[in-house]
């Protein structure tokens, strides 16, 4: 009988500690398979050979107002007006080319737009409210959880809906990548 009470007591203690353990807030990863946007031209064979549509890649991170608020609660920094708004920030990471070595291996993102799923119609694109070429502004405030090398695009919350895609445009010959916004993403990205 004593053994049962001790076991039960330990289980309750373990459950309580797990229940009250605090995890650090973090951005939501922007992930998906490689879906290149080719600007009405075929992919160069050397680029096409490096893309695996079955592999899930991380294209960036999503910073909703809730996540930014949770991260900001851990700091005593002054908050710039760009971070006080209700926009959702997308930090688009550089594209890592597997066919190149050295400094040209990483190709920076230049722009992010939202389109209807699979659409290439310019009239249907949703432009960001603002774009910043790097993350230095929010990295100073939110800390090392923000990627050092990425570009930022800010979108109204209602623009991010299931059935739409983020299209990340990269410099150089890498073209662009399409990342589907799924219903489960929208439900998770609070």
C-alpha atoms as a PDB file:
ATOM      1  CA  UNK A   1       0.000   0.000   0.000  1.00  0.00           C
ATOM      2  CA  UNK A   2       2.781   2.429   0.821  1.00  0.00           C
ATOM      3  CA  UNK A   3       4.395   1.678  -2.517  1.00  0.00           C
ATOM      4  CA  UNK A   4       1.197   2.680  -4.325  1.00  0.00           C
ATOM      5  CA  UNK A   5       0.976   5.959  -2.451  1.00  0.00           C
ATOM      6  CA  UNK A   6       4.624   6.765  -3.204  1.00  0.00           C
ATOM      7  CA  UNK A   7       4.160   5.863  -6.866  1.00  0.00           C
ATOM      8  CA  UNK A   8       0.975   7.918  -7.065  1.00  0.00           C
ATOM      9  CA  UNK A   9       2.649  10.793  -5.228  1.00  0.00           C
ATOM     10  CA  UNK A  10       5.577  10.742  -7.657  1.00  0.00           C
ATOM     11  CA  UNK A  11       3.237  10.625 -10.627  1.00  0.00           C
ATOM     12  CA  UNK A  12       1.297  13.603  -9.293  1.00  0.00           C
ATOM     13  CA  UNK A  13       4.538  15.496  -8.620  1.00  0.00           C
ATOM     14  CA  UNK A  14       5.838  14.732 -12.094  1.00  0.00           C
ATOM     15  CA  UNK A  15       2.540  15.754 -13.721  1.00  0.00           C
ATOM     16  CA  UNK A  16       2.387  18.960 -11.702  1.00  0.00           C
ATOM     17  CA  UNK A  17       5.963  19.909 -12.595  1.00  0.00           C
ATOM     18  CA  UNK A  18       5.289  19.207 -16.272  1.00  0.00           C
ATOM     19  CA  UNK A  19       2.079  21.203 -16.085  1.00  0.00           C
ATOM     20  CA  UNK A  20       3.752  24.255 -14.575  1.00  0.00           C
ATOM     21  CA  UNK A  21       6.987  24.092 -16.582  1.00  0.00           C
ATOM     22  CA  UNK A  22       7.275  27.163 -18.759  1.00  0.00           C
ATOM     23  CA  UNK A  23       8.588  26.891 -22.261  1.00  0.00           C
ATOM     24  CA  UNK A  24      10.151  29.897 -23.899  1.00  0.00           C
ATOM     25  CA  UNK A  25       7.971  31.551 -26.554  1.00  0.00           C
ATOM     26  CA  UNK A  26       9.146  31.016 -30.110  1.00  0.00           C
ATOM     27  CA  UNK A  27       8.229  31.944 -33.646  1.00  0.00           C
ATOM     28  CA  UNK A  28       6.264  29.478 -35.730  1.00  0.00           C
ATOM     29  CA  UNK A  29       8.376  27.772 -38.421  1.00  0.00           C
ATOM     30  CA  UNK A  30       7.370  28.372 -42.037  1.00  0.00           C
ATOM     31  CA  UNK A  31       7.848  24.907 -43.560  1.00  0.00           C
ATOM     32  CA  UNK A  32       6.832  23.038 -46.649  1.00  0.00           C
ATOM     33  CA  UNK A  33       8.080  21.118 -49.682  1.00  0.00           C
ATOM     34  CA  UNK A  34      10.072  22.826 -52.410  1.00  0.00           C
ATOM     35  CA  UNK A  35       7.619  24.330 -54.931  1.00  0.00           C
ATOM     36  CA  UNK A  36       9.609  26.576 -57.257  1.00  0.00           C
ATOM     37  CA  UNK A  37       7.958  29.468 -59.064  1.00  0.00           C
ATOM     38  CA  UNK A  38       9.699  29.690 -62.405  1.00  0.00           C
ATOM     39  CA  UNK A  39       8.524  33.007 -63.870  1.00  0.00           C
ATOM     40  CA  UNK A  40       7.142  31.295 -66.990  1.00  0.00           C
ATOM     41  CA  UNK A  41      10.480  29.637 -67.788  1.00  0.00           C
ATOM     42  CA  UNK A  42      11.716  26.117 -67.091  1.00  0.00           C
ATOM     43  CA  UNK A  43      14.052  25.614 -64.162  1.00  0.00           C
ATOM     44  CA  UNK A  44      17.695  25.303 -65.146  1.00  0.00           C
ATOM     45  CA  UNK A  45      18.558  21.577 -65.005  1.00  0.00           C
ATOM     46  CA  UNK A  46      21.309  22.143 -62.396  1.00  0.00           C
ATOM     47  CA  UNK A  47      18.778  23.834 -60.069  1.00  0.00           C
ATOM     48  CA  UNK A  48      15.989  21.313 -60.761  1.00  0.00           C
ATOM     49  CA  UNK A  49      18.345  18.444 -59.881  1.00  0.00           C
ATOM     50  CA  UNK A  50      18.826  19.867 -56.371  1.00  0.00           C
ATOM     51  CA  UNK A  51      15.107  20.076 -55.491  1.00  0.00           C
ATOM     52  CA  UNK A  52      13.389  17.207 -53.707  1.00  0.00           C
ATOM     53  CA  UNK A  53       9.602  17.780 -53.578  1.00  0.00           C
ATOM     54  CA  UNK A  54       9.277  15.149 -50.815  1.00  0.00           C
ATOM     55  CA  UNK A  55      11.672  16.919 -48.459  1.00  0.00           C
ATOM     56  CA  UNK A  56      10.145  19.430 -46.016  1.00  0.00           C
ATOM     57  CA  UNK A  57      12.226  22.604 -45.842  1.00  0.00           C
ATOM     58  CA  UNK A  58      12.206  25.531 -43.424  1.00  0.00           C
ATOM     59  CA  UNK A  59      11.725  28.744 -45.407  1.00  0.00           C
ATOM     60  CA  UNK A  60      11.457  31.130 -42.488  1.00  0.00           C
ATOM     61  CA  UNK A  61       9.593  32.011 -39.330  1.00  0.00           C
ATOM     62  CA  UNK A  62       6.222  33.595 -38.500  1.00  0.00           C
ATOM     63  CA  UNK A  63       6.036  36.222 -35.750  1.00  0.00           C
ATOM     64  CA  UNK A  64       2.399  36.912 -34.890  1.00  0.00           C
ATOM     65  CA  UNK A  65       1.525  39.804 -32.549  1.00  0.00           C
ATOM     66  CA  UNK A  66       0.947  37.207 -29.794  1.00  0.00           C
ATOM     67  CA  UNK A  67       4.410  35.639 -30.227  1.00  0.00           C
ATOM     68  CA  UNK A  68       6.062  39.065 -30.355  1.00  0.00           C
ATOM     69  CA  UNK A  69       4.206  40.054 -27.179  1.00  0.00           C
ATOM     70  CA  UNK A  70       5.349  36.895 -25.395  1.00  0.00           C
ATOM     71  CA  UNK A  71       8.944  37.469 -26.489  1.00  0.00           C
ATOM     72  CA  UNK A  72       8.779  41.152 -25.561  1.00  0.00           C
ATOM     73  CA  UNK A  73       7.467  40.293 -22.091  1.00  0.00           C
ATOM     74  CA  UNK A  74      10.878  38.752 -21.408  1.00  0.00           C
ATOM     75  CA  UNK A  75      12.770  41.950 -22.253  1.00  0.00           C
ATOM     76  CA  UNK A  76      12.864  45.471 -20.881  1.00  0.00           C
ATOM     77  CA  UNK A  77      13.691  47.117 -24.208  1.00  0.00           C
ATOM     78  CA  UNK A  78      11.868  50.081 -25.697  1.00  0.00           C
ATOM     79  CA  UNK A  79       9.503  48.808 -28.356  1.00  0.00           C
ATOM     80  CA  UNK A  80       9.696  50.500 -31.789  1.00  0.00           C
ATOM     81  CA  UNK A  81       6.391  51.356 -33.443  1.00  0.00           C
ATOM     82  CA  UNK A  82       7.046  48.780 -36.200  1.00  0.00           C
ATOM     83  CA  UNK A  83       6.680  46.041 -33.589  1.00  0.00           C
ATOM     84  CA  UNK A  84       3.673  47.523 -31.786  1.00  0.00           C
ATOM     85  CA  UNK A  85       1.255  47.033 -34.652  1.00  0.00           C
ATOM     86  CA  UNK A  86      -1.053  44.065 -35.244  1.00  0.00           C
ATOM     87  CA  UNK A  87       0.803  42.879 -38.343  1.00  0.00           C
ATOM     88  CA  UNK A  88       2.202  39.361 -38.687  1.00  0.00           C
ATOM     89  CA  UNK A  89       5.891  39.308 -39.580  1.00  0.00           C
ATOM     90  CA  UNK A  90       7.438  36.781 -41.941  1.00  0.00           C
ATOM     91  CA  UNK A  91      11.210  36.317 -41.609  1.00  0.00           C
ATOM     92  CA  UNK A  92      12.265  34.719 -44.914  1.00  0.00           C
ATOM     93  CA  UNK A  93      15.531  32.798 -44.669  1.00  0.00           C
ATOM     94  CA  UNK A  94      18.120  32.657 -47.470  1.00  0.00           C
ATOM     95  CA  UNK A  95      17.805  29.829 -49.992  1.00  0.00           C
ATOM     96  CA  UNK A  96      20.592  27.303 -49.496  1.00  0.00           C
ATOM     97  CA  UNK A  97      21.862  26.042 -52.829  1.00  0.00           C
ATOM     98  CA  UNK A  98      23.206  22.514 -52.747  1.00  0.00           C
ATOM     99  CA  UNK A  99      24.804  22.839 -56.184  1.00  0.00           C
ATOM    100  CA  UNK A 100      27.208  25.621 -55.080  1.00  0.00           C
ATOM    101  CA  UNK A 101      29.836  25.926 -52.357  1.00  0.00           C
ATOM    102  CA  UNK A 102      31.364  28.942 -50.671  1.00  0.00           C
ATOM    103  CA  UNK A 103      29.762  32.351 -50.103  1.00  0.00           C
ATOM    104  CA  UNK A 104      27.398  32.000 -53.094  1.00  0.00           C
ATOM    105  CA  UNK A 105      25.743  28.981 -51.440  1.00  0.00           C
ATOM    106  CA  UNK A 106      23.212  31.215 -49.607  1.00  0.00           C
ATOM    107  CA  UNK A 107      20.909  33.377 -51.731  1.00  0.00           C
ATOM    108  CA  UNK A 108      19.055  36.081 -49.811  1.00  0.00           C
ATOM    109  CA  UNK A 109      15.306  36.533 -50.003  1.00  0.00           C
ATOM    110  CA  UNK A 110      14.414  39.860 -51.605  1.00  0.00           C
ATOM    111  CA  UNK A 111      10.644  39.974 -51.285  1.00  0.00           C
ATOM    112  CA  UNK A 112       7.607  38.065 -49.997  1.00  0.00           C
ATOM    113  CA  UNK A 113       4.052  38.255 -51.319  1.00  0.00           C
ATOM    114  CA  UNK A 114       0.846  36.297 -50.708  1.00  0.00           C
ATOM    115  CA  UNK A 115      -1.080  34.796 -53.628  1.00  0.00           C
ATOM    116  CA  UNK A 116      -4.068  32.501 -54.073  1.00  0.00           C
ATOM    117  CA  UNK A 117      -2.847  28.883 -54.123  1.00  0.00           C
ATOM    118  CA  UNK A 118      -0.764  28.278 -57.242  1.00  0.00           C
ATOM    119  CA  UNK A 119      -1.620  31.641 -58.804  1.00  0.00           C
ATOM    120  CA  UNK A 120       0.861  33.658 -60.854  1.00  0.00           C
ATOM    121  CA  UNK A 121      -1.596  36.490 -61.561  1.00  0.00           C
ATOM    122  CA  UNK A 122      -0.036  39.777 -60.439  1.00  0.00           C
ATOM    123  CA  UNK A 123      -3.468  41.325 -59.901  1.00  0.00           C
ATOM    124  CA  UNK A 124      -4.234  38.735 -57.199  1.00  0.00           C
ATOM    125  CA  UNK A 125      -1.108  39.248 -55.107  1.00  0.00           C
ATOM    126  CA  UNK A 126      -1.186  40.709 -51.625  1.00  0.00           C
ATOM    127  CA  UNK A 127       1.738  43.018 -51.020  1.00  0.00           C
ATOM    128  CA  UNK A 128       3.292  43.356 -47.557  1.00  0.00           C
ATOM    129  CA  UNK A 129       2.556  46.480 -45.499  1.00  0.00           C
ATOM    130  CA  UNK A 130       6.308  46.958 -45.190  1.00  0.00           C
ATOM    131  CA  UNK A 131       9.556  45.128 -45.953  1.00  0.00           C
ATOM    132  CA  UNK A 132      12.922  45.313 -44.199  1.00  0.00           C
ATOM    133  CA  UNK A 133      16.023  43.868 -45.869  1.00  0.00           C
ATOM    134  CA  UNK A 134      17.320  42.365 -42.614  1.00  0.00           C
ATOM    135  CA  UNK A 135      16.260  41.400 -39.091  1.00  0.00           C
ATOM    136  CA  UNK A 136      18.455  43.832 -37.145  1.00  0.00           C
ATOM    137  CA  UNK A 137      15.460  45.868 -35.891  1.00  0.00           C
ATOM    138  CA  UNK A 138      13.575  42.983 -34.303  1.00  0.00           C
ATOM    139  CA  UNK A 139      16.705  41.027 -33.395  1.00  0.00           C
ATOM    140  CA  UNK A 140      17.775  43.903 -31.107  1.00  0.00           C
ATOM    141  CA  UNK A 141      14.416  43.756 -29.361  1.00  0.00           C
ATOM    142  CA  UNK A 142      13.404  40.085 -29.490  1.00  0.00           C
ATOM    143  CA  UNK A 143      16.889  38.637 -29.137  1.00  0.00           C
ATOM    144  CA  UNK A 144      18.686  35.618 -30.577  1.00  0.00           C
ATOM    145  CA  UNK A 145      15.494  33.692 -31.350  1.00  0.00           C
ATOM    146  CA  UNK A 146      15.271  35.874 -34.487  1.00  0.00           C
ATOM    147  CA  UNK A 147      17.442  34.600 -37.367  1.00  0.00           C
ATOM    148  CA  UNK A 148      20.483  36.760 -38.060  1.00  0.00           C
ATOM    149  CA  UNK A 149      20.213  36.481 -41.811  1.00  0.00           C
ATOM    150  CA  UNK A 150      16.684  36.920 -43.149  1.00  0.00           C
ATOM    151  CA  UNK A 151      14.458  39.607 -44.644  1.00  0.00           C
ATOM    152  CA  UNK A 152      11.214  40.736 -43.009  1.00  0.00           C
ATOM    153  CA  UNK A 153       7.805  41.284 -44.566  1.00  0.00           C
ATOM    154  CA  UNK A 154       4.756  42.408 -42.563  1.00  0.00           C
ATOM    155  CA  UNK A 155       1.209  41.366 -43.479  1.00  0.00           C
ATOM    156  CA  UNK A 156      -2.223  42.121 -42.018  1.00  0.00           C
ATOM    157  CA  UNK A 157      -3.527  39.132 -40.056  1.00  0.00           C
ATOM    158  CA  UNK A 158      -6.555  38.695 -42.346  1.00  0.00           C
ATOM    159  CA  UNK A 159      -4.283  38.295 -45.401  1.00  0.00           C
ATOM    160  CA  UNK A 160      -2.900  35.044 -44.009  1.00  0.00           C
ATOM    161  CA  UNK A 161      -5.577  32.482 -44.858  1.00  0.00           C
ATOM    162  CA  UNK A 162      -5.753  28.825 -45.785  1.00  0.00           C
ATOM    163  CA  UNK A 163      -5.818  28.400 -49.560  1.00  0.00           C
ATOM    164  CA  UNK A 164      -3.175  31.064 -50.115  1.00  0.00           C
ATOM    165  CA  UNK A 165       0.580  30.811 -50.573  1.00  0.00           C
ATOM    166  CA  UNK A 166       3.570  32.794 -49.434  1.00  0.00           C
ATOM    167  CA  UNK A 167       5.833  33.360 -52.434  1.00  0.00           C
ATOM    168  CA  UNK A 168       9.403  34.116 -51.435  1.00  0.00           C
ATOM    169  CA  UNK A 169      11.419  35.806 -54.179  1.00  0.00           C
ATOM    170  CA  UNK A 170      15.176  35.234 -54.062  1.00  0.00           C
ATOM    171  CA  UNK A 171      18.039  37.119 -55.715  1.00  0.00           C
ATOM    172  CA  UNK A 172      20.104  35.690 -58.536  1.00  0.00           C
ATOM    173  CA  UNK A 173      19.070  32.668 -60.548  1.00  0.00           C
ATOM    174  CA  UNK A 174      17.196  30.805 -57.803  1.00  0.00           C
ATOM    175  CA  UNK A 175      13.782  32.177 -58.826  1.00  0.00           C
ATOM    176  CA  UNK A 176      11.165  31.913 -56.085  1.00  0.00           C
ATOM    177  CA  UNK A 177       9.600  29.358 -53.781  1.00  0.00           C
ATOM    178  CA  UNK A 178       5.923  28.888 -53.011  1.00  0.00           C
ATOM    179  CA  UNK A 179       4.917  27.851 -49.456  1.00  0.00           C
ATOM    180  CA  UNK A 180       1.314  26.771 -48.934  1.00  0.00           C
ATOM    181  CA  UNK A 181      -0.656  28.308 -46.066  1.00  0.00           C
ATOM    182  CA  UNK A 182      -2.680  25.406 -44.702  1.00  0.00           C
ATOM    183  CA  UNK A 183      -5.751  25.503 -42.415  1.00  0.00           C
ATOM    184  CA  UNK A 184      -3.743  23.840 -39.625  1.00  0.00           C
ATOM    185  CA  UNK A 185      -1.071  26.576 -39.960  1.00  0.00           C
ATOM    186  CA  UNK A 186      -3.649  29.345 -39.591  1.00  0.00           C
ATOM    187  CA  UNK A 187      -5.174  27.589 -36.556  1.00  0.00           C
ATOM    188  CA  UNK A 188      -1.724  27.265 -34.923  1.00  0.00           C
ATOM    189  CA  UNK A 189      -0.341  30.719 -35.752  1.00  0.00           C
ATOM    190  CA  UNK A 190      -1.982  32.645 -32.926  1.00  0.00           C
END
